[in-house]
Amino acid sequence: MIVITGANGQLGQLIVAELLKTHSASSIAAAVRDPAKAASLAALGVQVRKADYNDPATLDAAFAGADKVLLISSSEVGQRLPQHRNVIEAAKRAGVGLLAYTSLLHADTSPLALAGEHKATEELLRASGLRYSILRNGWYYENYTAGLGGALAHGVLLGSAQDGRVSAATRADYAAAAAAVLNSANPEPVYELAGERGFSLPELAAELSRQAGKHVPYKDLPEAEYKAALLGAGLPDWLAALLSESDAGVAKGALEDNSGTLSRLIGRPSTPLADAVRAALAQ
């Protein structure tokens, strides 16, 4: 039995879909906060179990009979550590054979503020006595491509990354990696996962311009000004802060990795920039 927490999220649904290629639906459990919102997963035949990171009793029930658990990191920045601790303790009580966790690229050395809770969670895993596998996911293309429509409409792509490079991949790429680890008989303790060919935001703007047939330059802003622009676009404060601080980290090399681990793990090249832009413009 493989249990996926946060399984009705954008990444979780893709991981379940990947696992269904190699596992029967009855051997997969989707652990979600609100089972009523997981009808699409139930329709696939997977078990849907209630699991609230803040409620250990629900985690005990969700992990019953689990051989492997994938902890998809909480979306509640600032509350992640106690929530992740609850999951780890429940996994210990359930005696799971493997606890995998979606962390952040180079979490142990990353200058990003976002890395703090991931690094602390990794330390809890190492001290837990459980067999674990840490999936240090790099940046999602979708963090940028979701805003390409706005960039086209306004005629400019904003950011705060200077000429720093981002080794991004799609959620589907990272989902394939998670499934590969869960399917492995002997997974490694830590995987640094990132797209094999990095890009800069000026290069993203150039690719957008090429495919859209419209010149869309990149404009680099100080971090505070970029955050203000994101707030002006309607993003909540926590997300605007996260994206602007992460962009500033890109300028320091925080989201670049040339190890090729992701491609080797999934047995194919990670998605190239041009394909990610094309998919975003087709939506």
Protein backbone atom coordinates (compact mmCIF):
# COMPACT_ATOMS: atom_id res chain seq x y z
CA MET A 1 0.00 0.00 0.00
CA ILE A 2 1.33 3.42 -1.01
CA VAL A 3 -0.20 6.47 0.66
CA ILE A 4 0.17 9.92 -0.93
CA THR A 5 -0.58 12.89 1.30
CA GLY A 6 -1.95 16.07 -0.26
CA ALA A 7 -2.98 13.84 -3.13
CA ASN A 8 -5.63 16.16 -4.53
CA GLY A 9 -3.13 18.98 -5.04
CA GLN A 10 -1.60 19.80 -8.42
CA LEU A 11 1.47 17.66 -7.83
CA GLY A 12 -0.32 14.92 -5.89
CA GLN A 13 -2.82 14.18 -8.63
CA LEU A 14 0.01 13.77 -11.14
CA ILE A 15 1.86 11.40 -8.82
CA VAL A 16 -1.23 9.24 -8.38
CA ALA A 17 -1.64 9.13 -12.16
CA GLU A 18 1.99 8.00 -12.54
CA LEU A 19 1.62 5.29 -9.92
CA LEU A 20 -1.49 3.94 -11.62
CA LYS A 21 0.72 3.01 -14.58
CA THR A 22 2.45 0.37 -12.46
CA HIS A 23 0.11 -0.32 -9.52
CA SER A 24 -3.49 -1.36 -9.09
CA ALA A 25 -5.78 1.39 -7.89
CA SER A 26 -6.61 -0.60 -4.76
CA SER A 27 -2.95 -0.45 -3.67
CA ILE A 28 -2.87 3.36 -3.68
CA ALA A 29 -4.42 5.60 -1.04
CA ALA A 30 -4.98 9.32 -1.50
CA ALA A 31 -4.74 11.05 1.88
CA VAL A 32 -6.50 14.41 1.71
CA ARG A 33 -7.81 16.98 4.13
CA ASP A 34 -11.33 16.97 2.66
CA PRO A 35 -12.34 13.68 1.01
CA ALA A 36 -15.34 15.41 -0.56
CA LYS A 37 -12.91 17.33 -2.76
CA ALA A 38 -11.22 14.15 -4.00
CA ALA A 39 -14.03 12.76 -6.12
CA SER A 40 -11.80 12.65 -9.20
CA LEU A 41 -9.34 10.43 -7.35
CA ALA A 42 -12.07 8.16 -6.01
CA ALA A 43 -13.33 7.80 -9.58
CA LEU A 44 -9.96 6.31 -10.50
CA GLY A 45 -10.53 3.55 -7.94
CA VAL A 46 -7.91 4.66 -5.43
CA GLN A 47 -8.76 4.71 -1.75
CA VAL A 48 -9.51 8.18 -0.41
CA ARG A 49 -8.63 8.70 3.25
CA LYS A 50 -9.03 11.78 5.41
CA ALA A 51 -5.68 13.16 6.57
CA ASP A 52 -5.24 16.54 8.23
CA TYR A 53 -1.63 17.47 8.99
CA ASN A 54 -2.90 19.22 12.13
CA ASP A 55 -4.85 16.19 13.40
CA PRO A 56 -2.65 13.19 14.33
CA ALA A 57 -5.66 10.89 14.76
CA THR A 58 -6.59 11.31 11.09
CA LEU A 59 -3.00 10.57 10.10
CA ASP A 60 -3.00 7.34 12.12
CA ALA A 61 -6.10 6.19 10.26
CA ALA A 62 -4.77 7.32 6.88
CA PHE A 63 -1.49 5.42 7.29
CA ALA A 64 -3.02 2.16 8.47
CA GLY A 65 -1.51 -0.69 6.46
CA ALA A 66 0.86 1.61 4.57
CA ASP A 67 4.13 0.18 3.27
CA LYS A 68 5.26 3.51 1.85
CA VAL A 69 4.13 7.08 2.45
CA LEU A 70 4.90 10.15 0.37
CA LEU A 71 4.68 13.35 2.39
CA ILE A 72 3.99 16.17 -0.03
CA SER A 73 5.10 19.26 1.86
CA SER A 74 2.36 21.41 3.33
CA SER A 75 1.32 24.53 1.45
CA GLU A 76 0.99 26.45 4.72
CA VAL A 77 4.32 28.27 4.81
CA GLY A 78 5.22 29.06 8.40
CA GLN A 79 3.20 26.13 9.74
CA ARG A 80 5.01 23.36 7.91
CA LEU A 81 7.36 22.09 10.59
CA PRO A 82 4.78 21.10 13.23
CA GLN A 83 2.56 19.66 10.51
CA HIS A 84 5.40 17.62 9.03
CA ARG A 85 6.39 16.47 12.51
CA ASN A 86 2.87 15.11 12.96
CA VAL A 87 3.17 13.14 9.71
CA ILE A 88 6.58 11.72 10.62
CA GLU A 89 5.40 10.64 14.06
CA ALA A 90 2.30 9.01 12.57
CA ALA A 91 4.46 7.19 10.02
CA LYS A 92 6.58 5.88 12.89
CA ARG A 93 3.51 4.65 14.75
CA ALA A 94 2.28 2.95 11.58
CA GLY A 95 5.64 1.25 11.02
CA VAL A 96 5.87 2.32 7.37
CA GLY A 97 8.77 0.90 5.41
CA LEU A 98 9.63 4.14 3.59
CA LEU A 99 8.72 7.77 4.14
CA ALA A 100 9.48 9.98 1.14
CA TYR A 101 9.31 13.77 1.36
CA THR A 102 9.16 16.58 -1.20
CA SER A 103 11.77 19.10 -0.12
CA LEU A 104 13.57 21.98 -1.88
CA LEU A 105 16.61 21.91 -4.15
CA HIS A 106 19.81 22.06 -2.05
CA ALA A 107 17.69 22.63 1.05
CA ASP A 108 20.65 22.13 3.38
CA THR A 109 22.66 24.98 1.82
CA SER A 110 20.05 27.09 0.04
CA PRO A 111 19.99 30.85 0.78
CA LEU A 112 16.22 30.94 0.24
CA ALA A 113 14.06 31.66 3.25
CA LEU A 114 11.76 28.95 1.90
CA ALA A 115 14.44 26.37 2.65
CA GLY A 116 14.29 26.74 6.43
CA GLU A 117 11.24 24.58 7.08
CA HIS A 118 12.42 22.00 4.56
CA LYS A 119 15.85 21.75 6.18
CA ALA A 120 14.27 21.35 9.61
CA THR A 121 11.91 18.65 8.28
CA GLU A 122 14.86 16.79 6.78
CA GLU A 123 16.54 16.84 10.19
CA LEU A 124 13.41 15.33 11.75
CA LEU A 125 13.45 12.59 9.13
CA ARG A 126 17.08 11.73 9.81
CA ALA A 127 16.39 11.51 13.53
CA SER A 128 13.17 9.51 13.13
CA GLY A 129 14.69 6.07 12.68
CA LEU A 130 12.51 5.60 9.60
CA ARG A 131 13.86 4.66 6.20
CA TYR A 132 13.45 7.86 4.20
CA SER A 133 14.01 9.36 0.78
CA ILE A 134 14.16 13.13 0.33
CA LEU A 135 13.10 14.51 -3.03
CA ARG A 136 14.66 17.94 -3.24
CA ASN A 137 12.54 19.39 -6.00
CA GLY A 138 13.76 22.39 -7.92
CA TRP A 139 11.55 25.15 -9.30
CA TYR A 140 8.44 24.37 -11.29
CA TYR A 141 8.16 25.88 -14.75
CA GLU A 142 4.59 26.62 -13.77
CA ASN A 143 5.79 29.17 -11.23
CA TYR A 144 6.71 31.29 -14.23
CA THR A 145 4.53 30.07 -17.07
CA ALA A 146 1.33 30.72 -15.10
CA GLY A 147 2.08 34.44 -15.48
CA LEU A 148 2.94 34.48 -19.17
CA GLY A 149 -0.56 35.58 -20.16
CA GLY A 150 -0.19 38.66 -18.01
CA ALA A 151 3.26 39.34 -19.45
CA LEU A 152 1.81 39.20 -22.95
CA ALA A 153 -1.06 41.49 -22.00
CA HIS A 154 1.23 44.09 -20.44
CA GLY A 155 4.05 43.70 -22.95
CA VAL A 156 6.74 42.98 -20.36
CA LEU A 157 7.97 40.09 -18.21
CA LEU A 158 8.86 41.25 -14.71
CA GLY A 159 11.22 39.59 -12.28
CA SER A 160 14.05 40.09 -9.84
CA ALA A 161 16.44 37.32 -10.92
CA GLN A 162 18.90 39.40 -12.98
CA ASP A 163 20.78 36.94 -15.23
CA GLY A 164 20.59 34.05 -12.75
CA ARG A 165 19.67 30.66 -14.12
CA VAL A 166 16.77 28.43 -13.11
CA SER A 167 16.98 24.66 -13.58
CA ALA A 168 13.23 24.21 -13.76
CA ALA A 169 11.08 21.23 -14.68
CA THR A 170 7.35 20.63 -14.93
CA ARG A 171 5.19 19.25 -12.15
CA ALA A 172 4.74 16.21 -14.37
CA ASP A 173 8.52 15.70 -14.43
CA TYR A 174 8.71 15.84 -10.65
CA ALA A 175 5.68 13.55 -10.37
CA ALA A 176 7.43 10.97 -12.55
CA ALA A 177 10.47 11.21 -10.27
CA ALA A 178 8.37 10.68 -7.14
CA ALA A 179 6.74 7.62 -8.66
CA ALA A 180 10.14 6.23 -9.65
CA VAL A 181 11.39 6.58 -6.08
CA LEU A 182 8.27 4.97 -4.65
CA ASN A 183 8.67 2.11 -7.13
CA SER A 184 12.34 1.61 -6.32
CA ALA A 185 13.42 -1.32 -4.17
CA ASN A 186 16.39 0.64 -2.89
CA PRO A 187 15.84 4.40 -3.14
CA GLU A 188 18.60 6.83 -2.24
CA PRO A 189 18.32 8.98 0.90
CA VAL A 190 18.52 12.27 -1.02
CA TYR A 191 17.83 13.27 -4.62
CA GLU A 192 18.67 16.73 -5.98
CA LEU A 193 16.03 17.12 -8.69
CA ALA A 194 16.10 19.83 -11.32
CA GLY A 195 15.71 20.38 -15.04
CA GLU A 196 18.76 19.45 -17.03
CA ARG A 197 18.98 22.72 -18.98
CA GLY A 198 18.64 25.93 -17.02
CA PHE A 199 17.43 29.26 -18.36
CA SER A 200 17.50 32.90 -17.36
CA LEU A 201 14.44 35.14 -17.27
CA PRO A 202 15.74 37.13 -20.26
CA GLU A 203 15.82 33.80 -22.11
CA LEU A 204 12.26 33.04 -20.96
CA ALA A 205 11.15 36.43 -22.29
CA ALA A 206 12.89 35.75 -25.61
CA GLU A 207 11.20 32.34 -25.95
CA LEU A 208 7.83 33.86 -25.10
CA SER A 209 8.40 36.56 -27.70
CA ARG A 210 9.37 34.00 -30.34
CA GLN A 211 6.34 31.79 -29.81
CA ALA A 212 3.82 34.61 -29.35
CA GLY A 213 5.11 36.64 -32.28
CA LYS A 214 5.26 39.70 -30.06
CA HIS A 215 8.27 41.34 -28.46
CA VAL A 216 8.04 40.93 -24.71
CA PRO A 217 11.21 42.18 -22.99
CA TYR A 218 12.36 41.20 -19.53
CA LYS A 219 12.48 43.97 -16.94
CA ASP A 220 14.49 43.32 -13.81
CA LEU A 221 13.27 44.98 -10.64
CA PRO A 222 14.58 45.24 -7.09
CA GLU A 223 13.01 42.55 -4.91
CA ALA A 224 10.72 44.97 -3.07
CA GLU A 225 9.43 46.48 -6.32
CA TYR A 226 8.81 43.04 -7.81
CA LYS A 227 6.85 42.03 -4.72
CA ALA A 228 4.78 45.19 -5.03
CA ALA A 229 4.06 44.37 -8.68
CA LEU A 230 2.91 40.87 -7.72
CA LEU A 231 0.66 42.32 -5.03
CA GLY A 232 -0.74 44.71 -7.62
CA ALA A 233 -1.51 41.72 -9.84
CA GLY A 234 -3.68 40.29 -7.07
CA LEU A 235 -1.36 37.74 -5.46
CA PRO A 236 -1.68 37.26 -1.69
CA ASP A 237 1.11 38.73 0.40
CA TRP A 238 2.65 35.38 1.37
CA LEU A 239 2.89 34.24 -2.25
CA ALA A 240 4.19 37.57 -3.52
CA ALA A 241 6.87 37.47 -0.82
CA LEU A 242 7.76 33.87 -1.63
CA LEU A 243 8.08 34.47 -5.38
CA SER A 244 9.99 37.73 -5.12
CA GLU A 245 12.42 36.38 -2.53
CA SER A 246 12.92 33.24 -4.59
CA ASP A 247 13.59 35.30 -7.70
CA ALA A 248 16.23 37.26 -5.82
CA GLY A 249 17.70 33.90 -4.80
CA VAL A 250 17.92 32.88 -8.45
CA ALA A 251 20.38 35.73 -8.93
CA LYS A 252 22.55 33.97 -6.31
CA GLY A 253 22.34 30.58 -8.02
CA ALA A 254 19.87 29.14 -5.51
CA LEU A 255 17.76 27.30 -8.09
CA GLU A 256 20.42 26.07 -10.50
CA ASP A 257 21.61 22.47 -10.59
CA ASN A 258 23.44 20.65 -13.36
CA SER A 259 23.59 17.15 -11.87
CA GLY A 260 21.12 15.61 -14.31
CA THR A 261 19.67 13.47 -11.50
CA LEU A 262 16.06 14.14 -12.47
CA SER A 263 16.52 12.97 -16.06
CA ARG A 264 18.38 9.85 -14.99
CA LEU A 265 15.70 9.00 -12.44
CA ILE A 266 12.78 9.34 -14.87
CA GLY A 267 14.62 7.77 -17.80
CA ARG A 268 14.08 10.66 -20.21
CA PRO A 269 15.07 14.29 -20.66
CA SER A 270 13.23 16.76 -18.47
CA THR A 271 10.82 19.08 -20.27
CA PRO A 272 12.62 21.81 -22.25
CA LEU A 273 11.76 25.50 -21.88
CA ALA A 274 10.19 25.76 -25.33
CA ASP A 275 7.74 22.94 -24.57
CA ALA A 276 6.75 24.49 -21.23
CA VAL A 277 6.07 27.87 -22.88
CA ARG A 278 4.13 26.22 -25.69
CA ALA A 279 1.93 24.35 -23.23
CA ALA A 280 1.23 27.52 -21.26
CA LEU A 281 0.25 29.51 -24.36
CA ALA A 282 -2.07 26.72 -25.48
CA GLN A 283 -4.17 26.95 -22.33
